[in-house]
Amino acid sequence: MSTAVFADPSAEAQWVLPSRGRVGMISLIAAESAIFTIFVVAYIFYIGKSLSGPTPKDVLSVPIFNSVCLLSSSLTIHLAVRALRKAQTTLFGLWWFATLALGAIFLVGTGLEWRKLIFEDRLTVSTNLFGTTYYSLVGLHAFHVTVGLLVIAIVMFFTLAGKMAPRYTERLEVFSMYWHFVDAVWVIVFTVVYVIGR
């Protein structure tokens, strides 16, 4: 005699819509990835095709310190979000400030590099193909870092005002996806500009 087994409908896995914030951020990252891909391909295509100097090997120094600062900020923002999830708001504030500081150091370093290139090495966006593609690619990345730092600074303001709470963890996790993306893009830009391009 066979026994019929009926599945309990309540035991079935319920499909839940993903967070709108996450879907939105993933869509933004996908679109930004396409834009960065175009700029990276253009940079690679025009390597060595400048008809006049200066060339990358003449003027570029490898920004190791700046790169370490930016990449370290991925760890600090992760630790900050984790601390907020555990309701450790003071620790969150410390890690969040560290992220802000590391990102700012990177941006200042980029500005100092550009100052040297423009005023000492006479490399501008209109000097040659190298100048055009270099400032376009590195400038695009610097713009994204600037946008990220503005958001981080705003969150830091609310943290100092005592307005930060664990209920905002999801939103900051979504934003941290953007910051990790910016850091990952820098690995590609660094490799293309300062390793392959030299």
Protein backbone atom coordinates (compact mmCIF):
# COMPACT_ATOMS: atom_id res chain seq x y z
CA MET A 1 0.00 0.00 0.00
CA SER A 2 1.52 3.34 -1.08
CA THR A 3 1.53 6.35 1.14
CA ALA A 4 1.01 9.76 -0.44
CA VAL A 5 3.30 12.49 0.79
CA PHE A 6 2.06 16.04 0.53
CA ALA A 7 4.45 18.95 0.84
CA ASP A 8 3.60 21.58 3.36
CA PRO A 9 2.97 24.78 1.32
CA SER A 10 4.26 26.89 4.19
CA ALA A 11 7.60 25.07 4.03
CA GLU A 12 8.23 26.12 0.45
CA ALA A 13 10.89 28.74 -0.01
CA GLN A 14 9.36 32.15 -0.44
CA TRP A 15 10.92 34.31 -3.14
CA VAL A 16 11.53 37.77 -1.81
CA LEU A 17 12.09 40.79 -3.98
CA PRO A 18 15.64 42.08 -3.67
CA SER A 19 16.23 45.44 -2.08
CA ARG A 20 15.47 48.31 -4.45
CA GLY A 21 18.60 50.03 -3.22
CA ARG A 22 20.78 47.05 -4.10
CA VAL A 23 19.18 46.63 -7.51
CA GLY A 24 19.64 50.33 -8.18
CA MET A 25 23.28 50.28 -7.09
CA ILE A 26 24.03 47.16 -9.14
CA SER A 27 22.47 48.86 -12.17
CA LEU A 28 24.53 51.99 -11.56
CA ILE A 29 27.72 49.97 -11.20
CA ALA A 30 26.96 48.09 -14.43
CA ALA A 31 26.46 51.36 -16.31
CA GLU A 32 29.59 52.93 -14.80
CA SER A 33 31.59 49.80 -15.63
CA ALA A 34 30.64 50.23 -19.30
CA ILE A 35 31.81 53.86 -19.24
CA PHE A 36 35.11 52.97 -17.57
CA THR A 37 35.63 50.15 -20.06
CA ILE A 38 35.39 52.63 -22.94
CA PHE A 39 37.94 54.95 -21.33
CA VAL A 40 40.33 52.10 -20.48
CA VAL A 41 40.16 50.68 -24.00
CA ALA A 42 40.78 54.17 -25.45
CA TYR A 43 43.81 54.63 -23.19
CA ILE A 44 45.27 51.26 -24.18
CA PHE A 45 44.56 51.90 -27.87
CA TYR A 46 46.43 55.21 -27.85
CA ILE A 47 49.48 54.06 -25.86
CA GLY A 48 52.62 55.08 -27.74
CA LYS A 49 50.74 57.00 -30.45
CA SER A 50 51.52 60.51 -29.25
CA LEU A 51 53.45 62.47 -31.86
CA SER A 52 55.14 64.66 -29.25
CA GLY A 53 56.26 64.41 -25.64
CA PRO A 54 56.15 64.08 -22.79
CA THR A 55 55.51 60.34 -22.65
CA PRO A 56 54.29 58.33 -19.63
CA LYS A 57 57.77 57.05 -18.75
CA ASP A 58 59.06 60.64 -18.74
CA VAL A 59 56.58 62.06 -16.25
CA LEU A 60 54.60 59.40 -14.37
CA SER A 61 55.60 58.14 -10.95
CA VAL A 62 53.87 55.08 -9.52
CA PRO A 63 51.48 56.30 -6.77
CA ILE A 64 51.97 53.39 -4.39
CA PHE A 65 51.16 55.26 -1.17
CA ASN A 66 47.98 56.79 -2.60
CA SER A 67 46.90 53.40 -3.92
CA VAL A 68 47.46 51.71 -0.55
CA CYS A 69 45.35 54.42 1.11
CA LEU A 70 42.45 54.03 -1.30
CA LEU A 71 42.46 50.23 -1.26
CA SER A 72 42.68 50.23 2.55
CA SER A 73 39.52 52.31 2.65
CA SER A 74 37.57 49.29 1.36
CA LEU A 75 38.50 47.48 4.56
CA THR A 76 37.66 50.43 6.81
CA ILE A 77 34.23 50.97 5.25
CA HIS A 78 33.50 47.25 5.63
CA LEU A 79 34.47 47.40 9.30
CA ALA A 80 32.37 50.53 9.77
CA VAL A 81 29.22 48.94 8.37
CA ARG A 82 29.81 45.81 10.43
CA ALA A 83 30.16 47.91 13.59
CA LEU A 84 26.93 49.77 12.85
CA ARG A 85 25.10 46.48 12.33
CA LYS A 86 26.18 45.54 15.87
CA ALA A 87 24.99 48.93 17.17
CA GLN A 88 28.57 49.99 17.96
CA THR A 89 28.06 53.56 16.79
CA THR A 90 31.27 54.94 18.29
CA LEU A 91 33.36 52.28 16.57
CA PHE A 92 31.37 52.90 13.40
CA GLY A 93 32.27 56.59 13.57
CA LEU A 94 35.97 55.81 13.95
CA TRP A 95 36.08 53.42 11.00
CA TRP A 96 33.92 55.75 8.90
CA PHE A 97 36.25 58.67 9.63
CA ALA A 98 39.21 56.47 8.67
CA THR A 99 37.50 55.79 5.34
CA LEU A 100 36.97 59.51 4.81
CA ALA A 101 40.60 60.29 5.67
CA LEU A 102 42.03 57.57 3.42
CA GLY A 103 39.87 58.65 0.50
CA ALA A 104 40.82 62.28 1.03
CA ILE A 105 44.52 61.42 1.12
CA PHE A 106 44.14 59.62 -2.19
CA LEU A 107 42.35 62.57 -3.76
CA VAL A 108 44.91 65.07 -2.48
CA GLY A 109 47.66 62.82 -3.83
CA THR A 110 46.00 62.83 -7.24
CA GLY A 111 45.77 66.61 -7.12
CA LEU A 112 49.45 66.94 -6.27
CA GLU A 113 50.35 64.59 -9.10
CA TRP A 114 48.34 66.68 -11.53
CA ARG A 115 49.93 69.88 -10.24
CA LYS A 116 53.37 68.47 -10.99
CA LEU A 117 52.32 67.20 -14.41
CA ILE A 118 50.74 70.51 -15.42
CA PHE A 119 53.16 73.06 -14.00
CA GLU A 120 56.49 71.19 -14.03
CA ASP A 121 56.14 68.66 -16.84
CA ARG A 122 53.85 70.81 -19.02
CA LEU A 123 51.43 67.95 -19.60
CA THR A 124 47.85 69.13 -20.07
CA VAL A 125 44.78 67.55 -21.60
CA SER A 126 45.64 69.21 -24.93
CA THR A 127 49.40 68.48 -25.00
CA ASN A 128 49.17 65.14 -26.80
CA LEU A 129 47.14 61.91 -26.98
CA PHE A 130 48.73 60.69 -23.77
CA GLY A 131 47.64 63.83 -21.92
CA THR A 132 44.12 63.60 -23.29
CA THR A 133 43.58 59.95 -22.42
CA TYR A 134 45.43 60.16 -19.09
CA TYR A 135 43.42 63.07 -17.69
CA SER A 136 40.18 61.59 -19.07
CA LEU A 137 40.67 58.20 -17.43
CA VAL A 138 42.27 59.26 -14.15
CA GLY A 139 39.96 62.28 -13.96
CA LEU A 140 36.88 60.10 -14.40
CA HIS A 141 38.02 57.96 -11.51
CA ALA A 142 38.87 61.00 -9.36
CA PHE A 143 35.37 62.33 -10.02
CA HIS A 144 33.86 59.10 -8.70
CA VAL A 145 36.08 59.26 -5.62
CA THR A 146 34.94 62.85 -5.04
CA VAL A 147 31.27 61.86 -5.24
CA GLY A 148 31.91 59.01 -2.80
CA LEU A 149 33.73 61.29 -0.37
CA LEU A 150 30.86 63.77 -0.40
CA VAL A 151 28.46 61.01 0.64
CA ILE A 152 30.90 59.77 3.29
CA ALA A 153 31.29 63.32 4.63
CA ILE A 154 27.50 63.74 4.87
CA VAL A 155 27.19 60.47 6.79
CA MET A 156 30.06 61.57 9.02
CA PHE A 157 28.19 64.80 9.79
CA PHE A 158 25.08 62.87 10.87
CA THR A 159 27.27 60.51 12.90
CA LEU A 160 28.85 63.40 14.79
CA ALA A 161 25.36 64.82 15.34
CA GLY A 162 24.32 61.55 17.01
CA LYS A 163 21.81 60.68 14.28
CA MET A 164 23.36 57.38 13.17
CA ALA A 165 21.63 54.14 14.17
CA PRO A 166 21.68 50.44 13.18
CA ARG A 167 18.50 50.92 11.13
CA TYR A 168 20.63 52.69 8.50
CA THR A 169 22.93 49.70 8.03
CA GLU A 170 21.21 48.50 4.86
CA ARG A 171 21.60 51.89 3.18
CA LEU A 172 25.27 52.13 4.08
CA GLU A 173 25.85 48.57 2.85
CA VAL A 174 24.39 49.64 -0.49
CA PHE A 175 26.64 52.70 -0.59
CA SER A 176 29.67 50.59 0.36
CA MET A 177 29.09 48.61 -2.86
CA TYR A 178 29.78 51.85 -4.75
CA TRP A 179 32.94 52.51 -2.75
CA HIS A 180 34.24 48.98 -3.31
CA PHE A 181 33.54 49.48 -7.03
CA VAL A 182 35.58 52.70 -7.06
CA ASP A 183 38.46 50.88 -5.38
CA ALA A 184 38.25 47.95 -7.80
CA VAL A 185 38.29 50.33 -10.77
CA TRP A 186 41.45 51.93 -9.39
CA VAL A 187 43.22 48.56 -9.54
CA ILE A 188 42.44 48.46 -13.27
CA VAL A 189 43.35 52.13 -13.85
CA PHE A 190 46.59 51.70 -11.87
CA THR A 191 47.53 48.62 -13.89
CA VAL A 192 46.75 50.22 -17.25
CA VAL A 193 48.25 53.66 -16.61
CA TYR A 194 51.19 53.02 -14.30
CA VAL A 195 52.21 49.46 -15.23
CA ILE A 196 51.22 48.63 -18.82
CA GLY A 197 51.25 52.22 -20.08
CA ARG A 198 54.78 53.01 -18.91
